[in-house]
Amino acid sequence: MRQHSVDLLPDSIRLCNQAGMRMGRWLMLMIGTSLLVVALVTHSRIQLQSSHEALVVAESQANQALAVEQRAQDLRSILQAGRDEIEHYQTLAFPLEISTVLSTLINRLPESVSLDRIDFDAGSRCRTRSIRSKGEVDSDETIPRVLTGEIAGFAASDLQIAELVAALESTPPFRDVSMDFSRTRAVRSKLAREFRLSFHIDLDVRYTISTVSSLRWVTGQEVEDVQ
């Protein structure tokens, strides 16, 4: 038969050993808990640092986005200011050049017609109000701009002058073409008809300009009155 082991240690020593074992287990548990806490704290610090770096990057990107948006707003303001300036210039500037008007006018001259003088006067035409007109005058009302032109010269006959009037009336931008006078004059010992025409050009519209291939221009002649 097998004999059971006999514990000959005193009870005081056995209790001391058991207490030491319990203390060791508690120490191991405390060390494990401390290591776990240290690991959690370290991980939290790493996460916090990463979050802080991400926040810095996000703030930098946000600042860049705000700067780009501000720059875009400034550019839009500059562009709008430029558009306003262009619109203001187009409101004040002539819609066509005087040289274009001259070339169009000269190319409509009949063969025997020569010009002695051309005058242009640009301004605003005030609308006349009759006695029956009611209401106050609108100060913000846009006053139409008109270019008034006068030409004077010589022609072989009144028929040529009438042809010139008809040609100008049928040619944009001339309108309200009228003959102011026509009379007989002597040009280099030859009889001719001296005339003066007037017309208007609306400056508040846009015109399409076409190129004229040839121009005709006759300078003024020496004239003598016919008694």
C-alpha atoms as a PDB file:
ATOM      1  CA  MET A   1       0.000   0.000   0.000  1.00  0.00           C
ATOM      2  CA  ARG A   2       1.073   3.579  -0.775  1.00  0.00           C
ATOM      3  CA  GLN A   3       1.562   5.814   2.225  1.00  0.00           C
ATOM      4  CA  HIS A   4       0.202   9.409   2.171  1.00  0.00           C
ATOM      5  CA  SER A   5       2.732  12.204   2.423  1.00  0.00           C
ATOM      6  CA  VAL A   6       3.087  13.685   5.802  1.00  0.00           C
ATOM      7  CA  ASP A   7       3.373  17.500   6.122  1.00  0.00           C
ATOM      8  CA  LEU A   8       5.776  18.119   8.951  1.00  0.00           C
ATOM      9  CA  LEU A   9       5.873  21.946   8.496  1.00  0.00           C
ATOM     10  CA  PRO A  10       4.571  23.912  11.396  1.00  0.00           C
ATOM     11  CA  ASP A  11       1.308  25.720  10.908  1.00  0.00           C
ATOM     12  CA  SER A  12       2.949  29.122  11.321  1.00  0.00           C
ATOM     13  CA  ILE A  13       5.344  28.477   8.464  1.00  0.00           C
ATOM     14  CA  ARG A  14       2.560  27.088   6.282  1.00  0.00           C
ATOM     15  CA  LEU A  15       0.398  30.144   6.886  1.00  0.00           C
ATOM     16  CA  CYS A  16       3.329  32.424   6.176  1.00  0.00           C
ATOM     17  CA  ASN A  17       3.936  30.630   2.893  1.00  0.00           C
ATOM     18  CA  GLN A  18       0.276  30.910   1.930  1.00  0.00           C
ATOM     19  CA  ALA A  19       0.314  34.603   2.789  1.00  0.00           C
ATOM     20  CA  GLY A  20       3.431  35.073   0.657  1.00  0.00           C
ATOM     21  CA  MET A  21       1.765  33.277  -2.246  1.00  0.00           C
ATOM     22  CA  ARG A  22      -1.315  35.484  -1.946  1.00  0.00           C
ATOM     23  CA  MET A  23       0.878  38.586  -1.779  1.00  0.00           C
ATOM     24  CA  GLY A  24       2.738  37.414  -4.884  1.00  0.00           C
ATOM     25  CA  ARG A  25      -0.516  36.927  -6.747  1.00  0.00           C
ATOM     26  CA  TRP A  26      -1.671  40.412  -5.701  1.00  0.00           C
ATOM     27  CA  LEU A  27       1.647  41.878  -6.776  1.00  0.00           C
ATOM     28  CA  MET A  28       1.386  40.189 -10.171  1.00  0.00           C
ATOM     29  CA  LEU A  29      -2.184  41.435 -10.547  1.00  0.00           C
ATOM     30  CA  MET A  30      -1.141  44.967  -9.605  1.00  0.00           C
ATOM     31  CA  ILE A  31       1.829  44.841 -11.971  1.00  0.00           C
ATOM     32  CA  GLY A  32      -0.399  43.540 -14.783  1.00  0.00           C
ATOM     33  CA  THR A  33      -2.981  46.232 -14.073  1.00  0.00           C
ATOM     34  CA  SER A  34      -0.265  48.908 -14.024  1.00  0.00           C
ATOM     35  CA  LEU A  35       1.120  47.671 -17.336  1.00  0.00           C
ATOM     36  CA  LEU A  36      -2.372  47.705 -18.822  1.00  0.00           C
ATOM     37  CA  VAL A  37      -2.969  51.249 -17.566  1.00  0.00           C
ATOM     38  CA  VAL A  38       0.406  52.372 -18.942  1.00  0.00           C
ATOM     39  CA  ALA A  39      -0.436  50.776 -22.297  1.00  0.00           C
ATOM     40  CA  LEU A  40      -3.845  52.479 -22.364  1.00  0.00           C
ATOM     41  CA  VAL A  41      -2.337  55.842 -21.413  1.00  0.00           C
ATOM     42  CA  THR A  42       0.386  55.485 -24.043  1.00  0.00           C
ATOM     43  CA  HIS A  43      -2.183  54.541 -26.686  1.00  0.00           C
ATOM     44  CA  SER A  44      -4.365  57.475 -25.668  1.00  0.00           C
ATOM     45  CA  ARG A  45      -1.396  59.857 -25.900  1.00  0.00           C
ATOM     46  CA  ILE A  46      -0.565  58.506 -29.360  1.00  0.00           C
ATOM     47  CA  GLN A  47      -4.187  58.916 -30.444  1.00  0.00           C
ATOM     48  CA  LEU A  48      -4.258  62.423 -28.969  1.00  0.00           C
ATOM     49  CA  GLN A  49      -1.063  63.364 -30.791  1.00  0.00           C
ATOM     50  CA  SER A  50      -2.427  61.964 -34.040  1.00  0.00           C
ATOM     51  CA  SER A  51      -5.697  63.818 -33.531  1.00  0.00           C
ATOM     52  CA  HIS A  52      -3.790  67.034 -32.798  1.00  0.00           C
ATOM     53  CA  GLU A  53      -1.706  66.636 -35.962  1.00  0.00           C
ATOM     54  CA  ALA A  54      -4.842  65.907 -37.987  1.00  0.00           C
ATOM     55  CA  LEU A  55      -6.466  68.997 -36.456  1.00  0.00           C
ATOM     56  CA  VAL A  56      -3.463  71.130 -37.431  1.00  0.00           C
ATOM     57  CA  VAL A  57      -3.608  69.785 -40.994  1.00  0.00           C
ATOM     58  CA  ALA A  58      -7.358  70.362 -41.145  1.00  0.00           C
ATOM     59  CA  GLU A  59      -6.958  73.926 -39.866  1.00  0.00           C
ATOM     60  CA  SER A  60      -4.230  74.581 -42.419  1.00  0.00           C
ATOM     61  CA  GLN A  61      -6.403  73.227 -45.220  1.00  0.00           C
ATOM     62  CA  ALA A  62      -9.372  75.212 -43.934  1.00  0.00           C
ATOM     63  CA  ASN A  63      -7.284  78.389 -43.870  1.00  0.00           C
ATOM     64  CA  GLN A  64      -6.087  77.703 -47.399  1.00  0.00           C
ATOM     65  CA  ALA A  65      -9.669  77.104 -48.531  1.00  0.00           C
ATOM     66  CA  LEU A  66     -10.776  80.360 -46.882  1.00  0.00           C
ATOM     67  CA  ALA A  67      -7.862  82.196 -48.518  1.00  0.00           C
ATOM     68  CA  VAL A  68      -8.789  80.759 -51.924  1.00  0.00           C
ATOM     69  CA  GLU A  69     -12.430  81.693 -51.372  1.00  0.00           C
ATOM     70  CA  GLN A  70     -11.441  85.216 -50.349  1.00  0.00           C
ATOM     71  CA  ARG A  71      -9.192  85.486 -53.407  1.00  0.00           C
ATOM     72  CA  ALA A  72     -12.021  84.245 -55.596  1.00  0.00           C
ATOM     73  CA  GLN A  73     -14.348  86.810 -54.036  1.00  0.00           C
ATOM     74  CA  ASP A  74     -11.776  89.541 -54.650  1.00  0.00           C
ATOM     75  CA  LEU A  75     -11.392  88.424 -58.266  1.00  0.00           C
ATOM     76  CA  ARG A  76     -15.174  88.395 -58.699  1.00  0.00           C
ATOM     77  CA  SER A  77     -15.305  91.917 -57.309  1.00  0.00           C
ATOM     78  CA  ILE A  78     -12.529  93.019 -59.678  1.00  0.00           C
ATOM     79  CA  LEU A  79     -14.293  91.325 -62.596  1.00  0.00           C
ATOM     80  CA  GLN A  80     -17.603  92.969 -61.699  1.00  0.00           C
ATOM     81  CA  ALA A  81     -15.877  96.331 -61.382  1.00  0.00           C
ATOM     82  CA  GLY A  82     -14.341  95.799 -64.818  1.00  0.00           C
ATOM     83  CA  ARG A  83     -17.745  94.891 -66.250  1.00  0.00           C
ATOM     84  CA  ASP A  84     -19.235  98.000 -64.695  1.00  0.00           C
ATOM     85  CA  GLU A  85     -16.455 100.110 -66.205  1.00  0.00           C
ATOM     86  CA  ILE A  86     -16.995  98.516 -69.616  1.00  0.00           C
ATOM     87  CA  GLU A  87     -20.736  99.059 -69.367  1.00  0.00           C
ATOM     88  CA  HIS A  88     -20.172 102.663 -68.300  1.00  0.00           C
ATOM     89  CA  TYR A  89     -17.725 103.176 -71.168  1.00  0.00           C
ATOM     90  CA  GLN A  90     -20.155 101.641 -73.649  1.00  0.00           C
ATOM     91  CA  THR A  91     -22.831 103.962 -72.311  1.00  0.00           C
ATOM     92  CA  LEU A  92     -20.642 107.013 -72.916  1.00  0.00           C
ATOM     93  CA  ALA A  93     -18.639 105.938 -75.956  1.00  0.00           C
ATOM     94  CA  PHE A  94     -19.853 106.153 -79.543  1.00  0.00           C
ATOM     95  CA  PRO A  95     -21.185 102.841 -80.878  1.00  0.00           C
ATOM     96  CA  LEU A  96     -19.330 103.504 -84.134  1.00  0.00           C
ATOM     97  CA  GLU A  97     -16.311 105.481 -85.242  1.00  0.00           C
ATOM     98  CA  ILE A  98     -16.593 108.771 -87.074  1.00  0.00           C
ATOM     99  CA  SER A  99     -14.272 107.403 -89.762  1.00  0.00           C
ATOM    100  CA  THR A 100     -16.829 104.662 -90.406  1.00  0.00           C
ATOM    101  CA  VAL A 101     -19.580 107.248 -90.728  1.00  0.00           C
ATOM    102  CA  LEU A 102     -17.425 109.259 -93.129  1.00  0.00           C
ATOM    103  CA  SER A 103     -16.546 106.265 -95.280  1.00  0.00           C
ATOM    104  CA  THR A 104     -20.200 105.202 -95.445  1.00  0.00           C
ATOM    105  CA  LEU A 105     -21.254 108.731 -96.309  1.00  0.00           C
ATOM    106  CA  ILE A 106     -18.622 109.247 -98.983  1.00  0.00           C
ATOM    107  CA  ASN A 107     -19.334 105.917-100.641  1.00  0.00           C
ATOM    108  CA  ARG A 108     -22.958 107.002-101.099  1.00  0.00           C
ATOM    109  CA  LEU A 109     -22.060 110.164-103.006  1.00  0.00           C
ATOM    110  CA  PRO A 110     -23.258 110.331-106.635  1.00  0.00           C
ATOM    111  CA  GLU A 111     -20.650 110.933-109.330  1.00  0.00           C
ATOM    112  CA  SER A 112     -21.098 114.686-109.705  1.00  0.00           C
ATOM    113  CA  VAL A 113     -21.330 115.463-105.980  1.00  0.00           C
ATOM    114  CA  SER A 114     -18.317 116.861-104.159  1.00  0.00           C
ATOM    115  CA  LEU A 115     -18.166 117.830-100.501  1.00  0.00           C
ATOM    116  CA  ASP A 116     -16.921 121.117 -99.154  1.00  0.00           C
ATOM    117  CA  ARG A 117     -17.674 120.747 -95.436  1.00  0.00           C
ATOM    118  CA  ILE A 118     -18.698 118.093 -92.926  1.00  0.00           C
ATOM    119  CA  ASP A 119     -19.750 118.928 -89.379  1.00  0.00           C
ATOM    120  CA  PHE A 120     -20.649 116.574 -86.535  1.00  0.00           C
ATOM    121  CA  ASP A 121     -22.185 117.446 -83.203  1.00  0.00           C
ATOM    122  CA  ALA A 122     -22.803 114.749 -80.594  1.00  0.00           C
ATOM    123  CA  GLY A 123     -25.073 115.343 -77.641  1.00  0.00           C
ATOM    124  CA  SER A 124     -28.222 114.357 -75.809  1.00  0.00           C
ATOM    125  CA  ARG A 125     -31.566 115.241 -77.225  1.00  0.00           C
ATOM    126  CA  CYS A 126     -34.015 116.400 -74.574  1.00  0.00           C
ATOM    127  CA  ARG A 127     -37.563 115.257 -75.066  1.00  0.00           C
ATOM    128  CA  THR A 128     -39.921 118.181 -75.502  1.00  0.00           C
ATOM    129  CA  ARG A 129     -42.981 118.199 -73.280  1.00  0.00           C
ATOM    130  CA  SER A 130     -46.181 119.766 -74.434  1.00  0.00           C
ATOM    131  CA  ILE A 131     -48.498 121.849 -72.276  1.00  0.00           C
ATOM    132  CA  ARG A 132     -50.853 118.894 -72.097  1.00  0.00           C
ATOM    133  CA  SER A 133     -48.156 116.593 -70.738  1.00  0.00           C
ATOM    134  CA  LYS A 134     -48.925 115.653 -67.157  1.00  0.00           C
ATOM    135  CA  GLY A 135     -46.746 114.465 -64.345  1.00  0.00           C
ATOM    136  CA  GLU A 136     -43.342 115.462 -63.148  1.00  0.00           C
ATOM    137  CA  VAL A 137     -40.231 115.020 -65.222  1.00  0.00           C
ATOM    138  CA  ASP A 138     -38.393 111.835 -64.300  1.00  0.00           C
ATOM    139  CA  SER A 139     -34.838 112.885 -63.419  1.00  0.00           C
ATOM    140  CA  ASP A 140     -33.640 109.288 -63.811  1.00  0.00           C
ATOM    141  CA  GLU A 141     -35.019 108.994 -67.326  1.00  0.00           C
ATOM    142  CA  THR A 142     -32.314 108.206 -69.874  1.00  0.00           C
ATOM    143  CA  ILE A 143     -31.910 110.998 -72.394  1.00  0.00           C
ATOM    144  CA  PRO A 144     -31.246 109.638 -75.896  1.00  0.00           C
ATOM    145  CA  ARG A 145     -27.879 110.468 -77.436  1.00  0.00           C
ATOM    146  CA  VAL A 146     -27.844 111.642 -81.029  1.00  0.00           C
ATOM    147  CA  LEU A 147     -25.062 112.493 -83.467  1.00  0.00           C
ATOM    148  CA  THR A 148     -26.138 115.396 -85.666  1.00  0.00           C
ATOM    149  CA  GLY A 149     -24.315 115.738 -88.966  1.00  0.00           C
ATOM    150  CA  GLU A 150     -24.294 118.420 -91.638  1.00  0.00           C
ATOM    151  CA  ILE A 151     -22.633 118.159 -95.012  1.00  0.00           C
ATOM    152  CA  ALA A 152     -22.232 120.920 -97.593  1.00  0.00           C
ATOM    153  CA  GLY A 153     -20.969 120.663-101.112  1.00  0.00           C
ATOM    154  CA  PHE A 154     -21.740 120.986-104.798  1.00  0.00           C
ATOM    155  CA  ALA A 155     -23.620 118.920-107.337  1.00  0.00           C
ATOM    156  CA  ALA A 156     -24.333 119.129-111.024  1.00  0.00           C
ATOM    157  CA  SER A 157     -28.088 119.326-110.456  1.00  0.00           C
ATOM    158  CA  ASP A 158     -30.827 118.998-107.891  1.00  0.00           C
ATOM    159  CA  LEU A 159     -31.417 115.491-109.188  1.00  0.00           C
ATOM    160  CA  GLN A 160     -27.988 114.447-107.908  1.00  0.00           C
ATOM    161  CA  ILE A 161     -28.773 116.024-104.550  1.00  0.00           C
ATOM    162  CA  ALA A 162     -32.076 114.133-104.401  1.00  0.00           C
ATOM    163  CA  GLU A 163     -30.221 110.910-105.208  1.00  0.00           C
ATOM    164  CA  LEU A 164     -27.839 111.601-102.314  1.00  0.00           C
ATOM    165  CA  VAL A 165     -30.743 112.229 -99.938  1.00  0.00           C
ATOM    166  CA  ALA A 166     -32.439 109.002-101.032  1.00  0.00           C
ATOM    167  CA  ALA A 167     -29.177 107.041-100.730  1.00  0.00           C
ATOM    168  CA  LEU A 168     -28.561 108.290 -97.178  1.00  0.00           C
ATOM    169  CA  GLU A 169     -32.163 107.664 -96.105  1.00  0.00           C
ATOM    170  CA  SER A 170     -31.844 104.030 -97.193  1.00  0.00           C
ATOM    171  CA  THR A 171     -28.459 103.524 -95.518  1.00  0.00           C
ATOM    172  CA  PRO A 172     -28.051 102.825 -91.805  1.00  0.00           C
ATOM    173  CA  PRO A 173     -27.211 104.523 -89.518  1.00  0.00           C
ATOM    174  CA  PHE A 174     -28.423 107.751 -91.194  1.00  0.00           C
ATOM    175  CA  ARG A 175     -31.946 108.896 -90.393  1.00  0.00           C
ATOM    176  CA  ASP A 176     -33.993 112.086 -90.531  1.00  0.00           C
ATOM    177  CA  VAL A 177     -32.082 113.132 -93.661  1.00  0.00           C
ATOM    178  CA  SER A 178     -33.218 116.543 -94.868  1.00  0.00           C
ATOM    179  CA  MET A 179     -32.008 119.118 -97.349  1.00  0.00           C
ATOM    180  CA  ASP A 180     -31.472 122.491 -95.707  1.00  0.00           C
ATOM    181  CA  PHE A 181     -31.019 124.478 -98.908  1.00  0.00           C
ATOM    182  CA  SER A 182     -29.946 124.271-102.523  1.00  0.00           C
ATOM    183  CA  ARG A 183     -28.850 127.204-104.666  1.00  0.00           C
ATOM    184  CA  THR A 184     -26.913 127.954-107.802  1.00  0.00           C
ATOM    185  CA  ARG A 185     -23.218 128.817-107.464  1.00  0.00           C
ATOM    186  CA  ALA A 186     -20.357 129.251-109.900  1.00  0.00           C
ATOM    187  CA  VAL A 187     -17.533 126.738-109.469  1.00  0.00           C
ATOM    188  CA  ARG A 188     -14.488 127.497-111.629  1.00  0.00           C
ATOM    189  CA  SER A 189     -16.642 129.421-114.107  1.00  0.00           C
ATOM    190  CA  LYS A 190     -19.191 126.610-114.236  1.00  0.00           C
ATOM    191  CA  LEU A 191     -22.663 126.640-112.741  1.00  0.00           C
ATOM    192  CA  ALA A 192     -23.339 124.117-110.020  1.00  0.00           C
ATOM    193  CA  ARG A 193     -25.842 123.552-107.252  1.00  0.00           C
ATOM    194  CA  GLU A 194     -24.566 124.323-103.770  1.00  0.00           C
ATOM    195  CA  PHE A 195     -26.407 122.376-101.093  1.00  0.00           C
ATOM    196  CA  ARG A 196     -26.421 121.517 -97.419  1.00  0.00           C
ATOM    197  CA  LEU A 197     -27.889 118.353 -95.897  1.00  0.00           C
ATOM    198  CA  SER A 198     -28.438 117.377 -92.289  1.00  0.00           C
ATOM    199  CA  PHE A 199     -29.043 114.007 -90.671  1.00  0.00           C
ATOM    200  CA  HIS A 200     -29.103 112.227 -87.314  1.00  0.00           C
ATOM    201  CA  ILE A 201     -27.506 109.030 -86.025  1.00  0.00           C
ATOM    202  CA  ASP A 202     -28.813 107.250 -82.940  1.00  0.00           C
ATOM    203  CA  LEU A 203     -25.935 106.647 -80.499  1.00  0.00           C
ATOM    204  CA  ASP A 204     -27.901 104.420 -78.118  1.00  0.00           C
ATOM    205  CA  VAL A 205     -27.933 101.349 -80.362  1.00  0.00           C
ATOM    206  CA  ARG A 206     -25.308  98.853 -81.525  1.00  0.00           C
ATOM    207  CA  TYR A 207     -24.255  98.696 -85.147  1.00  0.00           C
ATOM    208  CA  THR A 208     -22.649  95.973 -87.242  1.00  0.00           C
ATOM    209  CA  ILE A 209     -19.715  97.472 -89.118  1.00  0.00           C
ATOM    210  CA  SER A 210     -18.813  96.155 -92.575  1.00  0.00           C
ATOM    211  CA  THR A 211     -15.522  96.953 -94.279  1.00  0.00           C
ATOM    212  CA  VAL A 212     -15.651  99.339 -97.205  1.00  0.00           C
ATOM    213  CA  SER A 213     -13.202  98.459 -99.950  1.00  0.00           C
ATOM    214  CA  SER A 214     -12.963 101.855-101.635  1.00  0.00           C
ATOM    215  CA  LEU A 215     -13.490 105.493-100.630  1.00  0.00           C
ATOM    216  CA  ARG A 216     -14.215 108.532-102.712  1.00  0.00           C
ATOM    217  CA  TRP A 217     -13.412 111.999-101.434  1.00  0.00           C
ATOM    218  CA  VAL A 218     -13.423 115.277-103.336  1.00  0.00           C
ATOM    219  CA  THR A 219     -11.935 118.349-101.667  1.00  0.00           C
ATOM    220  CA  GLY A 220     -13.598 121.723-101.620  1.00  0.00           C
ATOM    221  CA  GLN A 221     -13.548 123.890-104.743  1.00  0.00           C
ATOM    222  CA  GLU A 222     -13.152 127.636-105.246  1.00  0.00           C
ATOM    223  CA  VAL A 223     -16.619 129.145-105.629  1.00  0.00           C
ATOM    224  CA  GLU A 224     -18.109 132.410-106.830  1.00  0.00           C
ATOM    225  CA  ASP A 225     -21.572 133.739-106.164  1.00  0.00           C
ATOM    226  CA  VAL A 226     -23.872 133.977-109.158  1.00  0.00           C
ATOM    227  CA  GLN A 227     -25.563 137.331-109.264  1.00  0.00           C
END
